[in-house]
Amino acid sequence: MNHSHSGVLATILAYSIWGLLPIYWKSIETVPALEILCHRMTWSLLFLFLMLTLQKRWNLLQEVKKHPKHLFYFLGTASLLALNWYTYIWAVNSGYIIESSLGYFINPLVTIVLGMLFLRERLRRGQWIAISIALMGVLYLTFSYGTFPWIALILALTFGAYGLLRKTGVFNALDGLTIETLWLFLPALCYLLYLEADGTSTFGHTSWSTSLLLAVTGAATATPLLFFAYGAQRVSMATLGVLHYIAPTSQFLLGVFVYEEPFELTRLIGFSTIWLALLIYTIESLFWMKTQPG
């Protein structure tokens, strides 16, 4: 298998795992979202330490010494990651899988806007059209329901801002994620120890399956990120853009057909408007990539 094919396969695996994560979080929905988040932070660091050991990549310490100021930079990305993770876990276990999927559907468009605002990237006509139509869809959902789709926008904005900051970072995906989880580890561990001392901890005090699933949150978090990092280095941006929709589509289908969340006509109209924007964005991006030299 050549690098291109293996990259596509790895990317598909990453997005497929992300798309099926609602099943995982639903299986431990009796655990409070904040406790799940802290387990995710704690076990992720242990899993990443294992990966660094297996790959013999402890030169991370030397890299940190070369760029000590970037430790505080990663405090910002870690905070965005924590807010994104918490919002997603809470939303899934509170019955908002469909709205969560909307956040990841509009994430590419949010990323374009952030690039325009902070990196001074110029938008092409097709991108302006896609963003305008998506905005119409968001406004329609807001006024038809009388409720702002805050879950979707928090997920899209935090993940978009996280990607923007990581774009300018000096560390690769594995090293960067390790530094981020180092920032998150201590407060997460302290909270879990507090729950244990308070007698309200779930881990080790309920079924063995729940405790095991909490312990595996680290692998469930890091594995798709590592697949994605491998694939992103081997496939084009256009391919990444198209494959991106595997995750929110899977989440959407789970919300509608497995967990039977309400999906009325007004929601269908709003989502269809946003899907139209994404179709325009994808087609425009593919045509633009074909016209580029090389």
C-alpha atoms as a PDB file:
ATOM      1  CA  MET A   1       0.000   0.000   0.000  1.00  0.00           C
ATOM      2  CA  ASN A   2       1.519   3.345  -1.052  1.00  0.00           C
ATOM      3  CA  HIS A   3       1.622   6.423   1.159  1.00  0.00           C
ATOM      4  CA  SER A   4      -1.400   8.060  -0.480  1.00  0.00           C
ATOM      5  CA  HIS A   5      -3.656   5.019   0.003  1.00  0.00           C
ATOM      6  CA  SER A   6      -2.489   4.423   3.564  1.00  0.00           C
ATOM      7  CA  GLY A   7      -3.076   8.114   4.308  1.00  0.00           C
ATOM      8  CA  VAL A   8      -6.643   7.954   3.007  1.00  0.00           C
ATOM      9  CA  LEU A   9      -7.299   4.801   5.047  1.00  0.00           C
ATOM     10  CA  ALA A  10      -5.879   6.377   8.212  1.00  0.00           C
ATOM     11  CA  THR A  11      -7.954   9.529   7.704  1.00  0.00           C
ATOM     12  CA  ILE A  12     -11.132   7.499   7.135  1.00  0.00           C
ATOM     13  CA  LEU A  13     -10.425   5.551  10.340  1.00  0.00           C
ATOM     14  CA  ALA A  14      -9.920   8.790  12.289  1.00  0.00           C
ATOM     15  CA  TYR A  15     -13.158  10.377  11.108  1.00  0.00           C
ATOM     16  CA  SER A  16     -15.071   7.109  11.519  1.00  0.00           C
ATOM     17  CA  ILE A  17     -13.974   6.807  15.155  1.00  0.00           C
ATOM     18  CA  TRP A  18     -14.949  10.430  15.807  1.00  0.00           C
ATOM     19  CA  GLY A  19     -18.295   9.780  14.139  1.00  0.00           C
ATOM     20  CA  LEU A  20     -19.034   6.815  16.410  1.00  0.00           C
ATOM     21  CA  LEU A  21     -17.888   8.442  19.672  1.00  0.00           C
ATOM     22  CA  PRO A  22     -21.491   9.342  20.660  1.00  0.00           C
ATOM     23  CA  ILE A  23     -22.063   5.617  21.245  1.00  0.00           C
ATOM     24  CA  TYR A  24     -19.089   5.595  23.603  1.00  0.00           C
ATOM     25  CA  TRP A  25     -20.211   8.643  25.591  1.00  0.00           C
ATOM     26  CA  LYS A  26     -23.793   7.363  25.725  1.00  0.00           C
ATOM     27  CA  SER A  27     -22.544   4.116  27.277  1.00  0.00           C
ATOM     28  CA  ILE A  28     -21.340   6.101  30.310  1.00  0.00           C
ATOM     29  CA  GLU A  29     -24.041   8.775  30.337  1.00  0.00           C
ATOM     30  CA  THR A  30     -24.794   8.080  34.018  1.00  0.00           C
ATOM     31  CA  VAL A  31     -21.396   9.616  34.836  1.00  0.00           C
ATOM     32  CA  PRO A  32     -21.418  13.461  35.110  1.00  0.00           C
ATOM     33  CA  ALA A  33     -19.892  15.173  32.080  1.00  0.00           C
ATOM     34  CA  LEU A  34     -17.230  16.953  34.146  1.00  0.00           C
ATOM     35  CA  GLU A  35     -16.063  13.683  35.680  1.00  0.00           C
ATOM     36  CA  ILE A  36     -15.872  12.066  32.223  1.00  0.00           C
ATOM     37  CA  LEU A  37     -13.869  15.055  30.995  1.00  0.00           C
ATOM     38  CA  CYS A  38     -11.369  14.756  33.846  1.00  0.00           C
ATOM     39  CA  HIS A  39     -10.931  11.030  33.204  1.00  0.00           C
ATOM     40  CA  ARG A  40     -10.415  11.830  29.532  1.00  0.00           C
ATOM     41  CA  MET A  41      -7.694  14.344  30.401  1.00  0.00           C
ATOM     42  CA  THR A  42      -5.968  12.062  32.919  1.00  0.00           C
ATOM     43  CA  TRP A  43      -5.954   8.833  30.930  1.00  0.00           C
ATOM     44  CA  SER A  44      -5.039  10.645  27.704  1.00  0.00           C
ATOM     45  CA  LEU A  45      -1.728  11.744  29.202  1.00  0.00           C
ATOM     46  CA  LEU A  46      -0.907   8.211  30.373  1.00  0.00           C
ATOM     47  CA  PHE A  47      -1.766   6.838  26.937  1.00  0.00           C
ATOM     48  CA  LEU A  48       0.371   9.475  25.212  1.00  0.00           C
ATOM     49  CA  PHE A  49       3.298   8.723  27.521  1.00  0.00           C
ATOM     50  CA  LEU A  50       2.970   5.091  26.458  1.00  0.00           C
ATOM     51  CA  MET A  51       2.982   6.106  22.780  1.00  0.00           C
ATOM     52  CA  LEU A  52       6.052   8.309  23.258  1.00  0.00           C
ATOM     53  CA  THR A  53       7.832   5.437  24.998  1.00  0.00           C
ATOM     54  CA  LEU A  54       6.944   2.908  22.286  1.00  0.00           C
ATOM     55  CA  GLN A  55       8.111   5.312  19.567  1.00  0.00           C
ATOM     56  CA  LYS A  56      11.221   6.301  21.573  1.00  0.00           C
ATOM     57  CA  ARG A  57      10.381   9.976  21.101  1.00  0.00           C
ATOM     58  CA  TRP A  58      11.353  11.439  24.453  1.00  0.00           C
ATOM     59  CA  ASN A  59      13.277  14.149  22.619  1.00  0.00           C
ATOM     60  CA  LEU A  60      10.125  16.126  23.367  1.00  0.00           C
ATOM     61  CA  LEU A  61      11.862  17.349  26.532  1.00  0.00           C
ATOM     62  CA  GLN A  62      14.724  18.803  24.485  1.00  0.00           C
ATOM     63  CA  GLU A  63      12.228  20.483  22.143  1.00  0.00           C
ATOM     64  CA  VAL A  64      10.441  22.059  25.105  1.00  0.00           C
ATOM     65  CA  LYS A  65      13.766  23.424  26.382  1.00  0.00           C
ATOM     66  CA  LYS A  66      14.368  25.025  22.976  1.00  0.00           C
ATOM     67  CA  HIS A  67      10.918  26.680  22.960  1.00  0.00           C
ATOM     68  CA  PRO A  68       9.941  27.292  26.620  1.00  0.00           C
ATOM     69  CA  LYS A  69       7.630  30.195  25.746  1.00  0.00           C
ATOM     70  CA  HIS A  70       5.459  27.842  23.717  1.00  0.00           C
ATOM     71  CA  LEU A  71       4.416  26.066  26.921  1.00  0.00           C
ATOM     72  CA  PHE A  72       2.092  28.993  27.675  1.00  0.00           C
ATOM     73  CA  TYR A  73       0.919  28.981  24.074  1.00  0.00           C
ATOM     74  CA  PHE A  74      -0.243  25.402  24.640  1.00  0.00           C
ATOM     75  CA  LEU A  75      -2.109  26.479  27.759  1.00  0.00           C
ATOM     76  CA  GLY A  76      -4.408  28.374  25.393  1.00  0.00           C
ATOM     77  CA  THR A  77      -4.904  25.440  23.038  1.00  0.00           C
ATOM     78  CA  ALA A  78      -5.445  23.109  26.018  1.00  0.00           C
ATOM     79  CA  SER A  79      -8.181  25.401  27.349  1.00  0.00           C
ATOM     80  CA  LEU A  80      -9.944  25.404  23.976  1.00  0.00           C
ATOM     81  CA  LEU A  81      -9.646  21.623  23.796  1.00  0.00           C
ATOM     82  CA  ALA A  82     -11.106  21.217  27.301  1.00  0.00           C
ATOM     83  CA  LEU A  83     -14.083  23.465  26.500  1.00  0.00           C
ATOM     84  CA  ASN A  84     -14.693  21.607  23.232  1.00  0.00           C
ATOM     85  CA  TRP A  85     -14.499  18.184  24.901  1.00  0.00           C
ATOM     86  CA  TYR A  86     -16.762  19.176  27.792  1.00  0.00           C
ATOM     87  CA  THR A  87     -19.394  20.751  25.533  1.00  0.00           C
ATOM     88  CA  TYR A  88     -19.440  17.710  23.259  1.00  0.00           C
ATOM     89  CA  ILE A  89     -19.686  15.143  26.076  1.00  0.00           C
ATOM     90  CA  TRP A  90     -22.413  17.131  27.843  1.00  0.00           C
ATOM     91  CA  ALA A  91     -24.359  17.685  24.608  1.00  0.00           C
ATOM     92  CA  VAL A  92     -24.272  14.020  23.556  1.00  0.00           C
ATOM     93  CA  ASN A  93     -25.362  12.736  26.965  1.00  0.00           C
ATOM     94  CA  SER A  94     -28.059  15.429  27.241  1.00  0.00           C
ATOM     95  CA  GLY A  95     -29.724  14.456  23.962  1.00  0.00           C
ATOM     96  CA  TYR A  96     -28.183  16.996  21.584  1.00  0.00           C
ATOM     97  CA  ILE A  97     -26.260  14.739  19.182  1.00  0.00           C
ATOM     98  CA  ILE A  98     -27.898  16.326  16.136  1.00  0.00           C
ATOM     99  CA  GLU A  99     -26.978  19.854  17.211  1.00  0.00           C
ATOM    100  CA  SER A 100     -23.448  18.644  17.999  1.00  0.00           C
ATOM    101  CA  SER A 101     -23.135  17.267  14.469  1.00  0.00           C
ATOM    102  CA  LEU A 102     -24.181  20.695  13.161  1.00  0.00           C
ATOM    103  CA  GLY A 103     -21.148  22.178  14.917  1.00  0.00           C
ATOM    104  CA  TYR A 104     -18.780  19.928  13.009  1.00  0.00           C
ATOM    105  CA  PHE A 105     -20.671  20.424   9.741  1.00  0.00           C
ATOM    106  CA  ILE A 106     -20.097  24.187   9.893  1.00  0.00           C
ATOM    107  CA  ASN A 107     -16.572  23.908  11.317  1.00  0.00           C
ATOM    108  CA  PRO A 108     -14.832  24.202   7.890  1.00  0.00           C
ATOM    109  CA  LEU A 109     -16.718  27.429   7.190  1.00  0.00           C
ATOM    110  CA  VAL A 110     -15.852  28.813  10.624  1.00  0.00           C
ATOM    111  CA  THR A 111     -12.211  27.938   9.921  1.00  0.00           C
ATOM    112  CA  ILE A 112     -12.343  29.971   6.696  1.00  0.00           C
ATOM    113  CA  VAL A 113     -13.719  33.004   8.554  1.00  0.00           C
ATOM    114  CA  LEU A 114     -11.054  32.722  11.276  1.00  0.00           C
ATOM    115  CA  GLY A 115      -8.361  32.517   8.602  1.00  0.00           C
ATOM    116  CA  MET A 116      -9.728  35.695   7.029  1.00  0.00           C
ATOM    117  CA  LEU A 117      -9.887  37.562  10.355  1.00  0.00           C
ATOM    118  CA  PHE A 118      -6.579  36.487  11.905  1.00  0.00           C
ATOM    119  CA  LEU A 119      -4.361  35.313   9.040  1.00  0.00           C
ATOM    120  CA  ARG A 120      -5.558  37.892   6.507  1.00  0.00           C
ATOM    121  CA  GLU A 121      -6.500  35.169   4.047  1.00  0.00           C
ATOM    122  CA  ARG A 122      -8.596  36.393   1.151  1.00  0.00           C
ATOM    123  CA  LEU A 123     -11.881  34.614   0.508  1.00  0.00           C
ATOM    124  CA  ARG A 124     -12.784  33.475  -2.971  1.00  0.00           C
ATOM    125  CA  ARG A 125     -16.241  34.221  -4.375  1.00  0.00           C
ATOM    126  CA  GLY A 126     -17.432  30.650  -3.873  1.00  0.00           C
ATOM    127  CA  GLN A 127     -16.362  30.750  -0.239  1.00  0.00           C
ATOM    128  CA  TRP A 128     -18.270  33.989   0.337  1.00  0.00           C
ATOM    129  CA  ILE A 129     -21.381  32.413  -1.172  1.00  0.00           C
ATOM    130  CA  ALA A 130     -21.020  29.263   0.981  1.00  0.00           C
ATOM    131  CA  ILE A 131     -20.522  31.271   4.189  1.00  0.00           C
ATOM    132  CA  SER A 132     -23.490  33.535   3.400  1.00  0.00           C
ATOM    133  CA  ILE A 133     -25.807  30.576   2.803  1.00  0.00           C
ATOM    134  CA  ALA A 134     -24.589  28.829   5.969  1.00  0.00           C
ATOM    135  CA  LEU A 135     -25.253  32.007   7.960  1.00  0.00           C
ATOM    136  CA  MET A 136     -28.795  32.054   6.567  1.00  0.00           C
ATOM    137  CA  GLY A 137     -29.232  28.468   7.766  1.00  0.00           C
ATOM    138  CA  VAL A 138     -27.985  29.292  11.280  1.00  0.00           C
ATOM    139  CA  LEU A 139     -30.261  32.363  11.467  1.00  0.00           C
ATOM    140  CA  TYR A 140     -33.212  30.307  10.250  1.00  0.00           C
ATOM    141  CA  LEU A 141     -32.610  27.669  12.932  1.00  0.00           C
ATOM    142  CA  THR A 142     -32.313  30.435  15.539  1.00  0.00           C
ATOM    143  CA  PHE A 143     -35.555  32.203  14.659  1.00  0.00           C
ATOM    144  CA  SER A 144     -37.594  29.097  13.815  1.00  0.00           C
ATOM    145  CA  TYR A 145     -36.776  27.531  17.187  1.00  0.00           C
ATOM    146  CA  GLY A 146     -36.452  30.758  19.108  1.00  0.00           C
ATOM    147  CA  THR A 147     -33.190  29.349  20.480  1.00  0.00           C
ATOM    148  CA  PHE A 148     -29.679  30.182  19.370  1.00  0.00           C
ATOM    149  CA  PRO A 149     -27.753  27.007  18.326  1.00  0.00           C
ATOM    150  CA  TRP A 150     -25.082  27.708  20.941  1.00  0.00           C
ATOM    151  CA  ILE A 151     -23.895  24.093  21.262  1.00  0.00           C
ATOM    152  CA  ALA A 152     -23.081  23.890  17.548  1.00  0.00           C
ATOM    153  CA  LEU A 153     -21.353  27.266  17.515  1.00  0.00           C
ATOM    154  CA  ILE A 154     -19.284  26.617  20.657  1.00  0.00           C
ATOM    155  CA  LEU A 155     -18.064  23.337  19.136  1.00  0.00           C
ATOM    156  CA  ALA A 156     -17.315  24.947  15.767  1.00  0.00           C
ATOM    157  CA  LEU A 157     -15.616  28.031  17.242  1.00  0.00           C
ATOM    158  CA  THR A 158     -13.486  26.176  19.814  1.00  0.00           C
ATOM    159  CA  PHE A 159     -12.327  23.558  17.316  1.00  0.00           C
ATOM    160  CA  GLY A 160     -11.757  26.211  14.644  1.00  0.00           C
ATOM    161  CA  ALA A 161      -9.755  28.403  17.048  1.00  0.00           C
ATOM    162  CA  TYR A 162      -7.818  25.348  18.230  1.00  0.00           C
ATOM    163  CA  GLY A 163      -6.891  24.529  14.636  1.00  0.00           C
ATOM    164  CA  LEU A 164      -5.902  28.142  14.019  1.00  0.00           C
ATOM    165  CA  LEU A 165      -3.530  28.186  17.000  1.00  0.00           C
ATOM    166  CA  ARG A 166      -2.067  24.764  16.235  1.00  0.00           C
ATOM    167  CA  LYS A 167      -1.435  25.881  12.651  1.00  0.00           C
ATOM    168  CA  THR A 168       1.156  28.333  13.963  1.00  0.00           C
ATOM    169  CA  GLY A 169       2.706  25.942  16.506  1.00  0.00           C
ATOM    170  CA  VAL A 170       6.206  24.468  16.378  1.00  0.00           C
ATOM    171  CA  PHE A 171       5.421  20.953  17.665  1.00  0.00           C
ATOM    172  CA  ASN A 172       3.958  18.015  15.749  1.00  0.00           C
ATOM    173  CA  ALA A 173       0.542  16.486  16.580  1.00  0.00           C
ATOM    174  CA  LEU A 174       1.707  13.900  19.146  1.00  0.00           C
ATOM    175  CA  ASP A 175       4.128  16.209  20.964  1.00  0.00           C
ATOM    176  CA  GLY A 176       1.646  19.089  20.966  1.00  0.00           C
ATOM    177  CA  LEU A 177      -1.189  16.955  22.297  1.00  0.00           C
ATOM    178  CA  THR A 178       1.114  15.622  25.023  1.00  0.00           C
ATOM    179  CA  ILE A 179       1.979  19.159  26.168  1.00  0.00           C
ATOM    180  CA  GLU A 180      -1.713  20.125  26.135  1.00  0.00           C
ATOM    181  CA  THR A 181      -2.694  17.138  28.261  1.00  0.00           C
ATOM    182  CA  LEU A 182       0.179  17.950  30.641  1.00  0.00           C
ATOM    183  CA  TRP A 183      -1.523  21.284  31.314  1.00  0.00           C
ATOM    184  CA  LEU A 184      -4.890  19.545  31.811  1.00  0.00           C
ATOM    185  CA  PHE A 185      -3.619  16.594  33.836  1.00  0.00           C
ATOM    186  CA  LEU A 186      -3.043  18.156  37.263  1.00  0.00           C
ATOM    187  CA  PRO A 187      -6.397  19.990  37.654  1.00  0.00           C
ATOM    188  CA  ALA A 188      -8.205  16.935  36.274  1.00  0.00           C
ATOM    189  CA  LEU A 189      -6.426  14.569  38.668  1.00  0.00           C
ATOM    190  CA  CYS A 190      -7.081  16.901  41.625  1.00  0.00           C
ATOM    191  CA  TYR A 191     -10.804  16.947  40.807  1.00  0.00           C
ATOM    192  CA  LEU A 192     -10.933  13.147  40.542  1.00  0.00           C
ATOM    193  CA  LEU A 193      -9.123  12.810  43.897  1.00  0.00           C
ATOM    194  CA  TYR A 194     -11.605  15.296  45.402  1.00  0.00           C
ATOM    195  CA  LEU A 195     -14.527  13.163  44.178  1.00  0.00           C
ATOM    196  CA  GLU A 196     -12.875  10.086  45.679  1.00  0.00           C
ATOM    197  CA  ALA A 197     -12.376  11.795  49.038  1.00  0.00           C
ATOM    198  CA  ASP A 198     -15.935  13.147  48.923  1.00  0.00           C
ATOM    199  CA  GLY A 199     -17.343   9.687  48.267  1.00  0.00           C
ATOM    200  CA  THR A 200     -19.000  10.754  44.998  1.00  0.00           C
ATOM    201  CA  SER A 201     -16.516   9.222  42.552  1.00  0.00           C
ATOM    202  CA  THR A 202     -17.850   6.842  39.923  1.00  0.00           C
ATOM    203  CA  PHE A 203     -14.577   5.126  39.058  1.00  0.00           C
ATOM    204  CA  GLY A 204     -14.240   1.870  40.993  1.00  0.00           C
ATOM    205  CA  HIS A 205     -17.572   2.351  42.731  1.00  0.00           C
ATOM    206  CA  THR A 206     -20.006   1.258  40.024  1.00  0.00           C
ATOM    207  CA  SER A 207     -19.917  -1.569  37.493  1.00  0.00           C
ATOM    208  CA  TRP A 208     -16.543  -2.797  36.266  1.00  0.00           C
ATOM    209  CA  SER A 209     -17.599  -1.995  32.687  1.00  0.00           C
ATOM    210  CA  THR A 210     -18.178   1.682  33.505  1.00  0.00           C
ATOM    211  CA  SER A 211     -14.798   1.942  35.245  1.00  0.00           C
ATOM    212  CA  LEU A 212     -13.108   0.245  32.297  1.00  0.00           C
ATOM    213  CA  LEU A 213     -14.768   2.590  29.809  1.00  0.00           C
ATOM    214  CA  LEU A 214     -13.622   5.592  31.845  1.00  0.00           C
ATOM    215  CA  ALA A 215     -10.063   4.251  31.826  1.00  0.00           C
ATOM    216  CA  VAL A 216     -10.161   3.756  28.047  1.00  0.00           C
ATOM    217  CA  THR A 217     -11.170   7.391  27.394  1.00  0.00           C
ATOM    218  CA  GLY A 218      -7.477   8.188  26.888  1.00  0.00           C
ATOM    219  CA  ALA A 219      -7.110   5.692  24.052  1.00  0.00           C
ATOM    220  CA  ALA A 220     -10.473   6.745  22.592  1.00  0.00           C
ATOM    221  CA  THR A 221      -9.227  10.344  22.539  1.00  0.00           C
ATOM    222  CA  ALA A 222      -5.672   9.890  21.271  1.00  0.00           C
ATOM    223  CA  THR A 223      -6.128   7.073  18.734  1.00  0.00           C
ATOM    224  CA  PRO A 224      -8.176   9.018  16.135  1.00  0.00           C
ATOM    225  CA  LEU A 225      -5.879  12.037  16.591  1.00  0.00           C
ATOM    226  CA  LEU A 226      -2.862   9.889  15.763  1.00  0.00           C
ATOM    227  CA  PHE A 227      -4.599   8.350  12.736  1.00  0.00           C
ATOM    228  CA  PHE A 228      -5.502  11.857  11.599  1.00  0.00           C
ATOM    229  CA  ALA A 229      -1.956  13.160  12.056  1.00  0.00           C
ATOM    230  CA  TYR A 230      -0.616  10.255   9.965  1.00  0.00           C
ATOM    231  CA  GLY A 231      -3.212  10.747   7.229  1.00  0.00           C
ATOM    232  CA  ALA A 232      -2.946  14.537   7.082  1.00  0.00           C
ATOM    233  CA  GLN A 233       0.718  14.254   6.099  1.00  0.00           C
ATOM    234  CA  ARG A 234      -0.065  11.975   3.159  1.00  0.00           C
ATOM    235  CA  VAL A 235      -3.253  13.252   1.492  1.00  0.00           C
ATOM    236  CA  SER A 236      -4.226  16.550  -0.092  1.00  0.00           C
ATOM    237  CA  MET A 237      -6.212  19.251   1.687  1.00  0.00           C
ATOM    238  CA  ALA A 238      -9.072  18.650  -0.752  1.00  0.00           C
ATOM    239  CA  THR A 239      -9.222  14.987   0.283  1.00  0.00           C
ATOM    240  CA  LEU A 240      -9.147  15.958   3.955  1.00  0.00           C
ATOM    241  CA  GLY A 241     -11.956  18.430   3.341  1.00  0.00           C
ATOM    242  CA  VAL A 242     -14.210  15.829   1.729  1.00  0.00           C
ATOM    243  CA  LEU A 243     -13.465  13.083   4.268  1.00  0.00           C
ATOM    244  CA  HIS A 244     -14.141  15.545   7.118  1.00  0.00           C
ATOM    245  CA  TYR A 245     -17.892  15.044   6.661  1.00  0.00           C
ATOM    246  CA  ILE A 246     -17.720  11.355   7.617  1.00  0.00           C
ATOM    247  CA  ALA A 247     -17.728  12.304  11.315  1.00  0.00           C
ATOM    248  CA  PRO A 248     -20.662  14.759  11.500  1.00  0.00           C
ATOM    249  CA  THR A 249     -22.701  12.645   9.062  1.00  0.00           C
ATOM    250  CA  SER A 250     -22.243   9.580  11.273  1.00  0.00           C
ATOM    251  CA  GLN A 251     -23.137  11.621  14.356  1.00  0.00           C
ATOM    252  CA  PHE A 252     -26.222  13.029  12.649  1.00  0.00           C
ATOM    253  CA  LEU A 253     -27.441   9.583  11.568  1.00  0.00           C
ATOM    254  CA  LEU A 254     -26.898   8.214  15.077  1.00  0.00           C
ATOM    255  CA  GLY A 255     -28.885  11.105  16.550  1.00  0.00           C
ATOM    256  CA  VAL A 256     -31.824  10.645  14.181  1.00  0.00           C
ATOM    257  CA  PHE A 257     -32.056   6.883  13.705  1.00  0.00           C
ATOM    258  CA  VAL A 258     -30.416   5.305  16.776  1.00  0.00           C
ATOM    259  CA  TYR A 259     -31.191   7.738  19.589  1.00  0.00           C
ATOM    260  CA  GLU A 260     -34.345   9.123  17.904  1.00  0.00           C
ATOM    261  CA  GLU A 261     -33.767  12.773  18.685  1.00  0.00           C
ATOM    262  CA  PRO A 262     -36.487  15.083  17.294  1.00  0.00           C
ATOM    263  CA  PHE A 263     -35.859  16.290  13.751  1.00  0.00           C
ATOM    264  CA  GLU A 264     -38.826  18.352  12.614  1.00  0.00           C
ATOM    265  CA  LEU A 265     -39.408  20.003   9.236  1.00  0.00           C
ATOM    266  CA  THR A 266     -38.027  23.344  10.407  1.00  0.00           C
ATOM    267  CA  ARG A 267     -34.805  21.654  11.493  1.00  0.00           C
ATOM    268  CA  LEU A 268     -34.611  19.821   8.162  1.00  0.00           C
ATOM    269  CA  ILE A 269     -34.907  23.131   6.289  1.00  0.00           C
ATOM    270  CA  GLY A 270     -32.182  24.740   8.394  1.00  0.00           C
ATOM    271  CA  PHE A 271     -29.830  21.771   8.069  1.00  0.00           C
ATOM    272  CA  SER A 272     -30.502  21.496   4.326  1.00  0.00           C
ATOM    273  CA  THR A 273     -29.527  25.140   3.888  1.00  0.00           C
ATOM    274  CA  ILE A 274     -26.230  24.494   5.675  1.00  0.00           C
ATOM    275  CA  TRP A 275     -25.670  21.284   3.682  1.00  0.00           C
ATOM    276  CA  LEU A 276     -26.158  23.302   0.482  1.00  0.00           C
ATOM    277  CA  ALA A 277     -23.491  25.726   1.699  1.00  0.00           C
ATOM    278  CA  LEU A 278     -21.129  22.831   2.393  1.00  0.00           C
ATOM    279  CA  LEU A 279     -21.776  21.343  -1.054  1.00  0.00           C
ATOM    280  CA  ILE A 280     -20.896  24.678  -2.683  1.00  0.00           C
ATOM    281  CA  TYR A 281     -17.812  24.973  -0.478  1.00  0.00           C
ATOM    282  CA  THR A 282     -16.624  21.436  -1.303  1.00  0.00           C
ATOM    283  CA  ILE A 283     -17.164  21.726  -5.062  1.00  0.00           C
ATOM    284  CA  GLU A 284     -15.504  25.157  -5.158  1.00  0.00           C
ATOM    285  CA  SER A 285     -12.522  23.863  -3.166  1.00  0.00           C
ATOM    286  CA  LEU A 286     -12.069  20.840  -5.435  1.00  0.00           C
ATOM    287  CA  PHE A 287     -12.151  23.002  -8.571  1.00  0.00           C
ATOM    288  CA  TRP A 288      -9.749  25.504  -7.015  1.00  0.00           C
ATOM    289  CA  MET A 289      -7.287  22.732  -6.049  1.00  0.00           C
ATOM    290  CA  LYS A 290      -7.308  21.412  -9.619  1.00  0.00           C
ATOM    291  CA  THR A 291      -6.341  24.805 -11.007  1.00  0.00           C
ATOM    292  CA  GLN A 292      -3.316  25.169  -8.728  1.00  0.00           C
ATOM    293  CA  PRO A 293       0.121  24.424 -10.240  1.00  0.00           C
ATOM    294  CA  GLY A 294       1.863  21.244  -9.074  1.00  0.00           C
END
